[in-house]
């Protein structure tokens, strides 16, 4: 991928959607999430993502009025996760990401996606196209 975008910018969300566009359908692998990143250079940043049938169908600034889960990161922890291409389980298990709401939907319900080769490729691509 030759395009690059500043982390947490609108262009960055677009690159994430493009990088995930080839994910295969996984019926029933669904989750909506609000993400809050505190301490970013821009201040607190809130964005959301929607996964339907194992595909990332929406990722943009702002909060959903209702979401299955809410994730809270400190900027340095979120930045490091993206920069290193780390699996999100690592941040959760080490306490660098707080997960509220239906955590089982994220931790267990997305397992088929989060442990897939496509998701590993997506994490590697995000590490490459993200500027900090």
Protein backbone atom coordinates (compact mmCIF):
# COMPACT_ATOMS: atom_id res chain seq x y z
CA UNK A 1 0.00 0.00 0.00
CA UNK A 2 1.58 3.27 -1.07
CA UNK A 3 -0.72 5.75 0.68
CA UNK A 4 0.09 6.95 4.16
CA UNK A 5 -2.02 8.85 6.67
CA UNK A 6 -1.60 10.41 10.07
CA UNK A 7 -2.86 8.21 12.88
CA UNK A 8 -6.48 8.93 13.86
CA UNK A 9 -7.10 11.22 10.87
CA UNK A 10 -10.09 10.78 8.57
CA UNK A 11 -7.70 9.63 5.85
CA UNK A 12 -6.35 6.98 8.24
CA UNK A 13 -9.84 5.58 8.81
CA UNK A 14 -10.28 5.39 5.03
CA UNK A 15 -7.02 3.46 4.63
CA UNK A 16 -8.15 1.01 7.32
CA UNK A 17 -11.39 0.40 5.44
CA UNK A 18 -9.49 -0.12 2.19
CA UNK A 19 -7.02 -2.51 3.84
CA UNK A 20 -9.90 -4.57 5.25
CA UNK A 21 -11.94 -4.59 2.04
CA UNK A 22 -10.82 -8.09 1.04
CA UNK A 23 -11.82 -9.83 4.25
CA UNK A 24 -14.00 -12.85 3.51
CA UNK A 25 -17.52 -13.06 4.85
CA UNK A 26 -17.80 -14.77 8.22
CA UNK A 27 -21.54 -15.03 9.00
CA UNK A 28 -22.43 -14.10 12.56
CA UNK A 29 -19.07 -12.49 13.37
CA UNK A 30 -20.50 -9.11 14.35
CA UNK A 31 -19.52 -6.33 16.73
CA UNK A 32 -19.96 -2.59 17.11
CA UNK A 33 -17.39 -0.69 19.13
CA UNK A 34 -16.69 2.81 20.35
CA UNK A 35 -13.00 3.55 20.82
CA UNK A 36 -11.62 6.37 22.94
CA UNK A 37 -7.97 7.36 22.76
CA UNK A 38 -6.93 9.72 25.55
CA UNK A 39 -3.88 11.96 25.51
CA UNK A 40 -3.56 12.15 21.72
CA UNK A 41 -1.86 15.27 20.29
CA UNK A 42 -5.37 16.39 19.25
CA UNK A 43 -6.73 15.67 22.73
CA UNK A 44 -9.26 12.92 23.34
CA UNK A 45 -10.22 11.17 20.09
CA UNK A 46 -13.37 9.08 19.78
CA UNK A 47 -14.12 6.83 16.86
CA UNK A 48 -16.22 3.79 16.13
CA UNK A 49 -16.08 0.65 14.08
CA UNK A 50 -18.71 -1.74 12.81
CA UNK A 51 -17.95 -5.36 11.93
CA UNK A 52 -20.73 -7.27 10.17
CA UNK A 53 -20.32 -10.88 9.07
CA UNK A 54 -16.60 -10.64 9.69
CA UNK A 55 -16.11 -7.53 7.54
CA UNK A 56 -15.14 -4.04 8.64
CA UNK A 57 -18.00 -2.03 7.14
CA UNK A 58 -17.58 1.26 8.98
CA UNK A 59 -14.78 3.07 10.79
CA UNK A 60 -15.01 6.80 11.41
CA UNK A 61 -14.70 9.60 13.93
CA UNK A 62 -17.49 9.93 16.48
CA UNK A 63 -19.37 7.61 18.80
CA UNK A 64 -22.21 5.26 18.03
CA UNK A 65 -25.27 5.90 20.20
CA UNK A 66 -25.33 2.18 21.01
CA UNK A 67 -22.33 -0.12 20.75
CA UNK A 68 -21.59 -3.63 21.93
CA UNK A 69 -18.29 -2.61 23.49
CA UNK A 70 -16.28 0.45 24.41
CA UNK A 71 -12.50 0.38 24.30
CA UNK A 72 -10.34 2.96 26.05
CA UNK A 73 -6.65 3.43 25.34
CA UNK A 74 -3.98 5.88 26.37
CA UNK A 75 -2.51 7.37 23.20
CA UNK A 76 0.94 5.79 23.68
CA UNK A 77 -0.58 2.31 24.10
CA UNK A 78 -2.88 2.65 21.07
CA UNK A 79 -0.05 4.09 18.96
CA UNK A 80 2.28 1.25 19.95
CA UNK A 81 -0.35 -1.40 19.12
CA UNK A 82 -0.75 0.00 15.60
CA UNK A 83 2.96 0.72 15.04
CA UNK A 84 3.96 -2.79 16.10
CA UNK A 85 1.09 -4.51 14.28
CA UNK A 86 0.19 -6.17 17.58
CA UNK A 87 -2.85 -8.34 18.13
CA UNK A 88 -5.49 -6.42 20.18
CA UNK A 89 -5.61 -9.28 22.69
CA UNK A 90 -2.13 -8.29 23.84
CA UNK A 91 -3.29 -4.79 24.82
CA UNK A 92 -6.36 -6.19 26.58
CA UNK A 93 -4.47 -8.92 28.44
CA UNK A 94 -1.77 -6.50 29.65
CA UNK A 95 -4.27 -3.84 30.74
CA UNK A 96 -3.25 -1.28 28.11
CA UNK A 97 -6.75 -1.38 26.64
CA UNK A 98 -9.82 -1.23 28.86
CA UNK A 99 -12.85 -3.03 27.50
CA UNK A 100 -16.35 -2.25 28.73
CA UNK A 101 -19.75 -3.59 27.79
CA UNK A 102 -20.21 -6.99 26.13
CA UNK A 103 -16.53 -7.89 26.35
CA UNK A 104 -17.33 -11.52 25.45
CA UNK A 105 -18.54 -10.38 22.02
CA UNK A 106 -15.12 -8.81 21.37
CA UNK A 107 -12.90 -11.35 23.11
CA UNK A 108 -14.71 -14.51 22.00
CA UNK A 109 -17.23 -13.51 19.32
CA UNK A 110 -14.59 -12.04 17.01
CA UNK A 111 -12.07 -14.84 17.54
CA UNK A 112 -12.56 -16.24 14.01
CA UNK A 113 -11.66 -12.83 12.54
CA UNK A 114 -9.00 -11.65 15.00
CA UNK A 115 -7.03 -14.89 14.69
CA UNK A 116 -7.24 -15.04 10.88
CA UNK A 117 -4.42 -14.57 8.37
CA UNK A 118 -6.41 -11.71 6.82
CA UNK A 119 -6.45 -9.84 10.11
CA UNK A 120 -2.73 -10.42 10.61
CA UNK A 121 -2.12 -8.97 7.13
CA UNK A 122 -4.38 -6.03 7.99
CA UNK A 123 -2.40 -5.28 11.18
CA UNK A 124 0.86 -5.38 9.20
CA UNK A 125 -0.57 -3.06 6.52
CA UNK A 126 -1.82 -0.59 9.15
CA UNK A 127 1.64 -0.49 10.70
CA UNK A 128 3.05 0.41 7.28
CA UNK A 129 0.54 3.09 6.20
CA UNK A 130 0.24 4.88 9.54
CA UNK A 131 2.29 8.01 10.25
CA UNK A 132 2.72 9.16 13.84
